């Protein structure tokens, strides 16, 4: 577990576990001879991907950013990805119950980012895992998830979000909103059209849960995107826009899928290369 303070806020990373991903898909057009120096694949070309959620204690609210993979995968998907499902037990180990969460924010609605939004009750119905929480997610994501392309339909599980939208427990965001004082969202196109980063500011310090724009510390170079990105050229443009603020501002960047380094300060070295300095 990783914990730090940001001004008056306390930030803690909780893991839903890890899962295997094809290394080629994880690094897109980057040759294996290059990416394998940063993430070592196994004999099946699989690398380990983390599932990092960020808990923010503001002093008034307890905010959870992302809810991991959850426990509702189909048998087919379990064969591919496994079923780590560790987030609730990780929170419980720190004395945090589902009822303690006031706000849940999803950066987008892929199954590995919003899986614990809901659980199944005894009748099999999907209900809110965090009963008191107000949920937030990008409106564009939800609209797209209703009719995804054949390319990424597997990424969406409607029971992770539709029941919350129907009940009114989930608010759909346009982008740019402040959720509570010090916590806001900003749209960064590339991975999807409407993915939002979560920007956290307190005491003149800033952290950003950048989500799948920069999924791990191995993806910090501008051209190192994922094969899963729907708009790879926009991923590069969004990274440039992010670094234009985060590098001079010394923002703490939180990586959603890094199994070893969940956050770091991304800096520009004298060589011009981006480097991750551990927090």
Protein backbone atom coordinates (compact mmCIF):
# COMPACT_ATOMS: atom_id res chain seq x y z
CA UNK A 1 0.00 0.00 0.00
CA UNK A 2 1.32 3.45 -0.95
CA UNK A 3 0.27 6.55 0.99
CA UNK A 4 1.24 10.21 0.89
CA UNK A 5 -0.10 13.62 1.80
CA UNK A 6 -0.97 16.35 -0.70
CA UNK A 7 -1.56 19.59 1.12
CA UNK A 8 -4.49 18.87 3.43
CA UNK A 9 -5.46 15.70 1.56
CA UNK A 10 -4.31 12.14 2.17
CA UNK A 11 -3.80 9.94 -0.90
CA UNK A 12 -3.61 6.15 -0.76
CA UNK A 13 -3.31 3.64 -3.59
CA UNK A 14 -5.27 0.42 -3.16
CA UNK A 15 -4.90 -2.52 -5.53
CA UNK A 16 -7.52 -4.83 -6.98
CA UNK A 17 -4.65 -7.20 -7.81
CA UNK A 18 -2.88 -7.83 -11.10
CA UNK A 19 -3.81 -9.50 -14.37
CA UNK A 20 -2.00 -10.67 -17.52
CA UNK A 21 -1.98 -8.65 -20.73
CA UNK A 22 -0.42 -9.39 -24.09
CA UNK A 23 2.77 -7.33 -24.24
CA UNK A 24 2.29 -6.42 -27.88
CA UNK A 25 -1.20 -5.09 -27.23
CA UNK A 26 0.01 -3.20 -24.15
CA UNK A 27 2.69 -1.36 -26.14
CA UNK A 28 1.10 -1.09 -29.57
CA UNK A 29 3.58 -0.25 -32.33
CA UNK A 30 6.62 -0.23 -30.02
CA UNK A 31 8.91 -3.18 -30.92
CA UNK A 32 9.28 -5.94 -28.36
CA UNK A 33 13.05 -5.44 -28.34
CA UNK A 34 12.36 -2.01 -26.82
CA UNK A 35 9.40 -2.52 -24.49
CA UNK A 36 10.72 -5.80 -23.06
CA UNK A 37 13.57 -3.82 -21.48
CA UNK A 38 10.98 -2.05 -19.35
CA UNK A 39 8.48 -4.86 -18.72
CA UNK A 40 9.65 -8.45 -18.90
CA UNK A 41 7.17 -10.79 -20.66
CA UNK A 42 6.70 -14.45 -19.85
CA UNK A 43 6.97 -17.32 -22.30
CA UNK A 44 3.50 -16.50 -23.66
CA UNK A 45 4.42 -12.85 -24.25
CA UNK A 46 2.25 -11.76 -21.30
CA UNK A 47 3.15 -8.90 -18.97
CA UNK A 48 1.70 -8.09 -15.56
CA UNK A 49 -0.76 -5.21 -15.39
CA UNK A 50 -1.78 -3.63 -12.10
CA UNK A 51 -5.22 -2.42 -11.02
CA UNK A 52 -4.61 0.70 -8.96
CA UNK A 53 -7.41 2.68 -7.36
CA UNK A 54 -6.79 6.00 -5.60
CA UNK A 55 -8.46 6.82 -2.27
CA UNK A 56 -8.55 10.52 -1.41
CA UNK A 57 -9.41 11.73 2.08
CA UNK A 58 -10.17 15.44 1.93
CA UNK A 59 -11.10 15.82 5.59
CA UNK A 60 -14.75 16.08 4.60
CA UNK A 61 -15.20 13.34 1.99
CA UNK A 62 -13.70 9.96 1.21
CA UNK A 63 -13.33 9.72 -2.56
CA UNK A 64 -12.47 6.56 -4.51
CA UNK A 65 -11.08 6.93 -8.04
CA UNK A 66 -11.62 3.76 -10.12
CA UNK A 67 -12.91 0.46 -8.80
CA UNK A 68 -10.74 -2.13 -10.56
CA UNK A 69 -11.92 -5.25 -12.33
CA UNK A 70 -14.52 -6.39 -9.81
CA UNK A 71 -15.97 -9.89 -9.62
CA UNK A 72 -18.54 -10.06 -12.44
CA UNK A 73 -16.43 -11.26 -15.37
CA UNK A 74 -17.82 -13.95 -17.67
CA UNK A 75 -16.20 -17.39 -17.69
CA UNK A 76 -14.57 -16.51 -21.01
CA UNK A 77 -13.04 -13.34 -19.61
CA UNK A 78 -11.85 -15.08 -16.44
CA UNK A 79 -9.93 -17.52 -18.64
CA UNK A 80 -8.21 -14.57 -20.32
CA UNK A 81 -7.66 -12.19 -17.43
CA UNK A 82 -8.19 -14.18 -14.24
CA UNK A 83 -10.33 -12.73 -11.46
CA UNK A 84 -8.10 -10.99 -8.88
CA UNK A 85 -10.96 -9.15 -7.10
CA UNK A 86 -8.86 -7.81 -4.20
CA UNK A 87 -10.04 -4.19 -3.86
CA UNK A 88 -12.69 -4.66 -1.16
CA UNK A 89 -10.40 -6.83 0.95
CA UNK A 90 -7.57 -4.31 0.47
CA UNK A 91 -9.82 -1.51 1.68
CA UNK A 92 -11.10 -3.63 4.57
CA UNK A 93 -7.54 -4.34 5.70
CA UNK A 94 -7.21 -0.58 6.28
CA UNK A 95 -10.52 -0.39 8.09
CA UNK A 96 -12.48 1.04 5.17
CA UNK A 97 -15.96 -0.40 4.57
CA UNK A 98 -18.05 0.18 1.41
CA UNK A 99 -20.35 2.41 3.47
CA UNK A 100 -17.42 4.74 4.22
CA UNK A 101 -17.05 5.84 0.60
CA UNK A 102 -18.78 9.14 -0.20
CA UNK A 103 -17.83 9.54 -3.87
CA UNK A 104 -16.72 7.16 -6.64
CA UNK A 105 -15.22 8.56 -9.85
CA UNK A 106 -14.63 6.51 -13.01
CA UNK A 107 -12.23 7.88 -15.62
CA UNK A 108 -13.94 5.73 -18.25
CA UNK A 109 -16.10 2.62 -18.30
CA UNK A 110 -13.83 -0.22 -19.42
CA UNK A 111 -14.39 -3.30 -17.27
CA UNK A 112 -11.00 -3.04 -15.53
CA UNK A 113 -11.75 0.47 -14.27
CA UNK A 114 -15.31 0.23 -12.93
CA UNK A 115 -15.78 -3.46 -12.02
CA UNK A 116 -16.45 -2.92 -8.32
CA UNK A 117 -18.99 -0.17 -9.00
CA UNK A 118 -21.58 -2.88 -8.46
CA UNK A 119 -21.96 -6.35 -6.98
CA UNK A 120 -24.67 -8.94 -7.48
CA UNK A 121 -27.23 -9.40 -4.72
CA UNK A 122 -28.77 -12.75 -3.81
CA UNK A 123 -31.19 -12.52 -6.73
CA UNK A 124 -28.35 -11.85 -9.20
CA UNK A 125 -29.25 -8.17 -9.66
CA UNK A 126 -26.36 -5.69 -9.93
CA UNK A 127 -26.52 -3.18 -7.07
CA UNK A 128 -24.19 -0.45 -5.85
CA UNK A 129 -21.14 -1.76 -4.01
CA UNK A 130 -20.80 1.57 -2.21
CA UNK A 131 -24.37 2.22 -1.10
CA UNK A 132 -23.92 5.79 0.20
CA UNK A 133 -21.68 7.01 -2.60
CA UNK A 134 -22.41 9.40 -5.40
CA UNK A 135 -20.90 7.98 -8.59
CA UNK A 136 -19.47 10.01 -11.47
CA UNK A 137 -18.41 8.97 -14.99
CA UNK A 138 -18.02 10.65 -18.41
CA UNK A 139 -21.29 11.00 -20.27
CA UNK A 140 -19.58 10.36 -23.62
CA UNK A 141 -18.24 7.07 -22.32
CA UNK A 142 -21.67 5.88 -21.26
CA UNK A 143 -23.24 6.88 -24.58
CA UNK A 144 -20.48 5.07 -26.50
CA UNK A 145 -20.71 2.00 -24.24
CA UNK A 146 -24.35 1.54 -25.28
CA UNK A 147 -23.21 0.92 -28.88
CA UNK A 148 -19.48 0.11 -28.86
CA UNK A 149 -17.63 -0.95 -31.96
CA UNK A 150 -16.81 -4.57 -32.70
CA UNK A 151 -13.20 -3.69 -31.87
CA UNK A 152 -13.80 -2.95 -28.19
CA UNK A 153 -17.22 -4.33 -27.28
CA UNK A 154 -15.55 -6.81 -24.89
CA UNK A 155 -14.34 -3.86 -22.81
CA UNK A 156 -17.84 -2.92 -21.60
CA UNK A 157 -20.01 -4.69 -19.03
CA UNK A 158 -23.32 -2.79 -18.70
CA UNK A 159 -24.02 -4.08 -15.18
CA UNK A 160 -21.02 -2.02 -14.01
CA UNK A 161 -22.81 1.26 -14.69
CA UNK A 162 -26.31 1.01 -16.21
CA UNK A 163 -28.06 0.22 -12.89
CA UNK A 164 -26.39 3.27 -11.32
CA UNK A 165 -27.42 5.56 -14.16
CA UNK A 166 -30.98 4.22 -14.05
CA UNK A 167 -31.26 4.78 -10.30
CA UNK A 168 -29.76 8.27 -10.47
CA UNK A 169 -26.86 7.28 -8.24
CA UNK A 170 -24.39 7.95 -11.10
CA UNK A 171 -23.99 11.46 -12.49
CA UNK A 172 -22.72 11.71 -16.05
CA UNK A 173 -20.10 14.40 -16.65
CA UNK A 174 -19.39 16.59 -19.68
CA UNK A 175 -15.75 17.17 -18.66
CA UNK A 176 -14.18 20.02 -16.71
CA UNK A 177 -16.43 19.78 -13.66
CA UNK A 178 -15.24 20.16 -10.07
CA UNK A 179 -16.64 17.22 -8.10
CA UNK A 180 -15.76 18.64 -4.69
CA UNK A 181 -13.37 21.48 -3.80
CA UNK A 182 -9.92 20.40 -4.94
CA UNK A 183 -11.01 17.46 -7.09
CA UNK A 184 -11.95 18.01 -10.74
CA UNK A 185 -12.03 16.12 -14.02
CA UNK A 186 -10.52 16.95 -17.42
CA UNK A 187 -11.04 15.12 -20.70
CA UNK A 188 -7.96 13.66 -22.41
CA UNK A 189 -8.84 12.03 -25.73
CA UNK A 190 -6.82 9.17 -27.12
CA UNK A 191 -7.48 5.93 -25.31
CA UNK A 192 -11.18 6.64 -25.82
CA UNK A 193 -12.98 9.75 -27.00
CA UNK A 194 -14.20 10.82 -23.56
CA UNK A 195 -11.75 9.46 -20.98
CA UNK A 196 -11.25 11.87 -18.09
CA UNK A 197 -8.30 12.35 -15.77
CA UNK A 198 -8.88 13.20 -12.11
CA UNK A 199 -6.95 16.28 -10.96
CA UNK A 200 -6.42 16.70 -7.22
CA UNK A 201 -5.20 20.03 -5.79
CA UNK A 202 -4.52 20.96 -2.18
CA UNK A 203 -2.02 23.25 -0.50
CA UNK A 204 -0.58 24.43 -3.83
CA UNK A 205 0.28 20.83 -4.74
CA UNK A 206 -1.29 18.77 -7.51
CA UNK A 207 -1.70 15.08 -8.28
CA UNK A 208 -3.36 13.55 -11.31
CA UNK A 209 -4.85 10.12 -11.84
CA UNK A 210 -4.09 10.11 -15.55
CA UNK A 211 -5.70 6.72 -16.22
CA UNK A 212 -5.03 4.98 -19.55
CA UNK A 213 -3.45 8.01 -21.19
CA UNK A 214 -0.24 6.92 -19.39
CA UNK A 215 -1.10 3.50 -17.94
CA UNK A 216 2.34 2.71 -16.46
CA UNK A 217 5.69 4.38 -15.88
CA UNK A 218 6.90 2.47 -18.97
CA UNK A 219 4.48 4.49 -21.14
CA UNK A 220 5.71 8.00 -20.33
CA UNK A 221 7.41 8.64 -23.71
CA UNK A 222 5.11 10.53 -26.05
CA UNK A 223 4.98 7.78 -28.71
CA UNK A 224 4.58 4.87 -26.29
CA UNK A 225 0.86 4.19 -26.41
CA UNK A 226 -1.24 1.06 -26.19
CA UNK A 227 -2.68 -1.03 -28.99
CA UNK A 228 -6.00 -0.53 -27.17
CA UNK A 229 -5.99 3.23 -27.85
CA UNK A 230 -8.79 4.11 -30.25
CA UNK A 231 -7.16 7.40 -31.27
CA UNK A 232 -3.37 6.95 -31.02
CA UNK A 233 -2.43 10.29 -32.55
CA UNK A 234 -4.70 12.04 -30.07
CA UNK A 235 -3.00 10.09 -27.27
CA UNK A 236 0.24 11.82 -28.24
CA UNK A 237 -1.42 15.24 -28.40
CA UNK A 238 -3.07 14.69 -25.01
CA UNK A 239 0.23 13.64 -23.45
CA UNK A 240 1.85 16.83 -24.73
CA UNK A 241 -0.97 18.87 -23.21
CA UNK A 242 -0.70 17.01 -19.92
CA UNK A 243 3.08 17.38 -19.67
CA UNK A 244 2.83 21.09 -20.47
CA UNK A 245 1.15 21.49 -17.06
CA UNK A 246 2.38 18.52 -15.02
CA UNK A 247 6.14 18.82 -15.65
CA UNK A 248 6.65 22.49 -14.71
CA UNK A 249 4.01 22.15 -11.99
CA UNK A 250 5.73 19.09 -10.49
CA UNK A 251 2.50 17.12 -10.44
CA UNK A 252 2.39 13.66 -8.90
CA UNK A 253 1.20 11.32 -11.68
CA UNK A 254 -0.78 8.25 -10.62
CA UNK A 255 -0.47 5.23 -12.95
CA UNK A 256 -3.55 3.03 -13.17
CA UNK A 257 -1.84 -0.16 -14.41
CA UNK A 258 1.72 -0.06 -13.03
CA UNK A 259 2.13 -3.08 -10.70
CA UNK A 260 5.30 -1.73 -9.04
CA UNK A 261 5.30 2.09 -9.29
CA UNK A 262 1.76 3.40 -8.78
CA UNK A 263 2.86 7.02 -8.83
CA UNK A 264 5.85 9.17 -9.75
CA UNK A 265 6.95 12.65 -10.80
CA UNK A 266 7.39 12.65 -14.58
CA UNK A 267 10.26 14.94 -15.55
CA UNK A 268 12.13 15.87 -18.72
CA UNK A 269 15.78 14.87 -18.62
CA UNK A 270 18.60 16.89 -20.20
CA UNK A 271 18.53 14.41 -23.09
CA UNK A 272 14.92 15.37 -23.79
CA UNK A 273 13.60 11.98 -22.65
CA UNK A 274 10.79 11.76 -20.15
CA UNK A 275 11.80 10.03 -16.90
CA UNK A 276 9.77 8.88 -13.91
CA UNK A 277 11.15 9.91 -10.52
CA UNK A 278 9.63 7.72 -7.79
CA UNK A 279 7.61 9.62 -5.23
